C-alpha atoms as a PDB file:
ATOM      1  CA  MET A   1      62.060  81.303  82.453  1.00  0.00           C
ATOM      2  CA  LEU A   2      59.185  83.254  83.969  1.00  0.00           C
ATOM      3  CA  ARG A   3      56.916  82.080  81.169  1.00  0.00           C
ATOM      4  CA  TYR A   4      57.703  78.419  81.920  1.00  0.00           C
ATOM      5  CA  THR A   5      57.085  78.951  85.638  1.00  0.00           C
ATOM      6  CA  LEU A   6      53.744  80.642  85.003  1.00  0.00           C
ATOM      7  CA  MET A   7      52.675  77.931  82.580  1.00  0.00           C
ATOM      8  CA  ARG A   8      53.611  75.250  85.104  1.00  0.00           C
ATOM      9  CA  LEU A   9      51.695  77.086  87.826  1.00  0.00           C
ATOM     10  CA  GLY A  10      48.696  77.352  85.510  1.00  0.00           C
ATOM     11  CA  ILE A  11      48.696  73.597  84.894  1.00  0.00           C
ATOM     12  CA  PHE A  12      48.901  72.981  88.648  1.00  0.00           C
ATOM     13  CA  VAL A  13      46.000  75.361  89.375  1.00  0.00           C
ATOM     14  CA  GLY A  14      43.935  73.695  86.643  1.00  0.00           C
ATOM     15  CA  CYS A  15      44.614  70.270  88.147  1.00  0.00           C
ATOM     16  CA  LEU A  16      43.839  71.623  91.612  1.00  0.00           C
ATOM     17  CA  VAL A  17      40.418  72.855  90.463  1.00  0.00           C
ATOM     18  CA  VAL A  18      39.655  69.550  88.713  1.00  0.00           C
ATOM     19  CA  VAL A  19      40.711  67.450  91.723  1.00  0.00           C
ATOM     20  CA  TRP A  20      38.789  69.712  94.103  1.00  0.00           C
ATOM     21  CA  GLY A  21      35.684  69.257  91.956  1.00  0.00           C
ATOM     22  CA  LEU A  22      36.136  65.486  91.816  1.00  0.00           C
ATOM     23  CA  VAL A  23      36.639  65.176  95.588  1.00  0.00           C
ATOM     24  CA  TYR A  24      33.695  67.339  96.518  1.00  0.00           C
ATOM     25  CA  SER A  25      31.413  65.655  93.997  1.00  0.00           C
ATOM     26  CA  GLY A  26      32.327  62.272  95.487  1.00  0.00           C
ATOM     27  CA  LEU A  27      34.034  60.870  92.381  1.00  0.00           C
ATOM     28  CA  ALA A  28      37.447  60.846  94.101  1.00  0.00           C
ATOM     29  CA  PRO A  29      38.035  59.740  97.696  1.00  0.00           C
ATOM     30  CA  ARG A  30      38.264  62.322 100.475  1.00  0.00           C
ATOM     31  CA  GLY A  31      41.297  62.563 102.746  1.00  0.00           C
ATOM     32  CA  LEU A  32      41.348  61.174 106.254  1.00  0.00           C
ATOM     33  CA  GLY A  33      39.941  63.452 108.939  1.00  0.00           C
ATOM     34  CA  ASP A  34      41.094  67.037 108.520  1.00  0.00           C
ATOM     35  CA  SER A  35      43.652  66.202 105.806  1.00  0.00           C
ATOM     36  CA  ASN A  36      41.263  66.813 102.910  1.00  0.00           C
ATOM     37  CA  GLY A  37      43.071  69.992 101.780  1.00  0.00           C
ATOM     38  CA  LEU A  38      46.441  68.275 101.853  1.00  0.00           C
ATOM     39  CA  TRP A  39      44.956  65.327  99.958  1.00  0.00           C
ATOM     40  CA  ILE A  40      43.631  67.604  97.209  1.00  0.00           C
ATOM     41  CA  VAL A  41      46.963  69.438  96.843  1.00  0.00           C
ATOM     42  CA  THR A  42      48.881  66.148  96.766  1.00  0.00           C
ATOM     43  CA  LEU A  43      46.639  64.687  94.072  1.00  0.00           C
ATOM     44  CA  ALA A  44      46.910  67.901  92.042  1.00  0.00           C
ATOM     45  CA  LEU A  45      50.721  67.777  92.276  1.00  0.00           C
ATOM     46  CA  LEU A  46      50.763  64.136  91.211  1.00  0.00           C
ATOM     47  CA  LEU A  47      48.576  64.909  88.197  1.00  0.00           C
ATOM     48  CA  SER A  48      50.243  68.162  87.147  1.00  0.00           C
ATOM     49  CA  ALA A  49      53.833  66.861  87.205  1.00  0.00           C
ATOM     50  CA  PRO A  50      53.555  64.394  84.282  1.00  0.00           C
ATOM     51  CA  ILE A  51      51.251  66.741  82.375  1.00  0.00           C
ATOM     52  CA  SER A  52      53.813  69.556  82.705  1.00  0.00           C
ATOM     53  CA  PHE A  53      56.618  67.205  81.739  1.00  0.00           C
ATOM     54  CA  ILE A  54      54.899  66.272  78.475  1.00  0.00           C
ATOM     55  CA  VAL A  55      53.098  69.491  77.542  1.00  0.00           C
ATOM     56  CA  LEU A  56      55.847  71.978  78.444  1.00  0.00           C
ATOM     57  CA  ARG A  57      58.782  70.126  76.862  1.00  0.00           C
ATOM     58  CA  LYS A  58      59.569  72.844  74.291  1.00  0.00           C
ATOM     59  CA  GLU A  59      59.199  75.638  76.832  1.00  0.00           C
ATOM     60  CA  ARG A  60      61.438  73.764  79.295  1.00  0.00           C
ATOM     61  CA  ASP A  61      64.114  73.361  76.608  1.00  0.00           C
ATOM     62  CA  ARG A  62      63.877  77.073  75.803  1.00  0.00           C
ATOM     63  CA  ALA A  63      64.263  77.971  79.487  1.00  0.00           C
ATOM     64  CA  SER A  64      67.224  75.599  79.752  1.00  0.00           C
ATOM     65  CA  VAL A  65      68.985  77.344  76.867  1.00  0.00           C
ATOM     66  CA  GLN A  66      68.456  80.705  78.585  1.00  0.00           C
ATOM     67  CA  ILE A  67      69.934  79.370  81.817  1.00  0.00           C
ATOM     68  CA  VAL A  68      72.963  77.932  79.992  1.00  0.00           C
ATOM     69  CA  HIS A  69      73.589  81.286  78.275  1.00  0.00           C
ATOM     70  CA  ARG A  70      73.312  83.101  81.585  1.00  0.00           C
ATOM     71  CA  VAL A  71      75.736  80.714  83.315  1.00  0.00           C
ATOM     72  CA  ASP A  72      78.231  80.966  80.431  1.00  0.00           C
ATOM     73  CA  ARG A  73      78.070  84.761  80.573  1.00  0.00           C
ATOM     74  CA  MET A  74      78.679  84.717  84.336  1.00  0.00           C
ATOM     75  CA  LYS A  75      81.658  82.367  83.894  1.00  0.00           C
ATOM     76  CA  ALA A  76      83.135  84.676  81.247  1.00  0.00           C
ATOM     77  CA  ASN A  77      82.679  87.698  83.543  1.00  0.00           C
ATOM     78  CA  MET A  78      84.332  85.856  86.430  1.00  0.00           C
ATOM     79  CA  GLU A  79      87.275  84.864  84.217  1.00  0.00           C
ATOM     80  CA  ALA A  80      87.658  88.460  83.002  1.00  0.00           C
ATOM     81  CA  ASN A  81      87.654  89.701  86.595  1.00  0.00           C
ATOM     82  CA  ARG A  82      90.181  87.046  87.576  1.00  0.00           C
ATOM     83  CA  SER A  83      92.542  88.029  84.747  1.00  0.00           C
ATOM     84  CA  GLN A  84      92.186  91.723  85.715  1.00  0.00           C
ATOM     85  CA  GLU A  85      93.136  90.882  89.280  1.00  0.00           C
ATOM     86  CA  ASP A  86      96.107  88.811  88.088  1.00  0.00           C
ATOM     87  CA  SER A  87      97.432  91.620  85.899  1.00  0.00           C
ATOM     88  CA  ALA A  88      96.955  94.186  88.690  1.00  0.00           C
ATOM     89  CA  ASP A  89      98.800  91.889  91.100  1.00  0.00           C
ATOM     90  CA  ASP A  90     101.625  91.330  88.618  1.00  0.00           C
ATOM     91  CA  THR A  91     101.934  95.093  88.054  1.00  0.00           C
ATOM     92  CA  SER A  92     102.082  95.862  91.772  1.00  0.00           C
ATOM     93  CA  ARG A  93     104.687  93.133  92.339  1.00  0.00           C
ATOM     94  CA  ALA A  94     106.825  94.432  89.478  1.00  0.00           C
ATOM     95  CA  GLN A  95     106.656  97.964  90.889  1.00  0.00           C
ATOM     96  CA  GLY A  96     107.560  96.628  94.368  1.00  0.00           C
ATOM     97  CA  GLN A  97     110.647  94.852  93.036  1.00  0.00           C
ATOM     98  CA  ALA A  98     111.746  97.902  91.019  1.00  0.00           C
ATOM     99  CA  SER A  99     111.794 100.081  94.147  1.00  0.00           C
END
């Protein structure tokens, strides 16, 4: 999961550098007034999203499998805890009725 996040961040930073270079060289339009920084970040996000979607498909699938395994493990732990609580409750009720 961390690998996917770092790769996605790397693609964004690469796009940010490219867009910054294009804006300051005059090949891409500048933002309005003082919004130039926001304009550059927005363009970089718009470029990096589809690139990440296409390039990181395998890594995203791998991260998804890890998340599914983690969620399944947590569900199993919760069910085990729930059954422990049920058996402890049943035992205490049986002891209360025997007294």
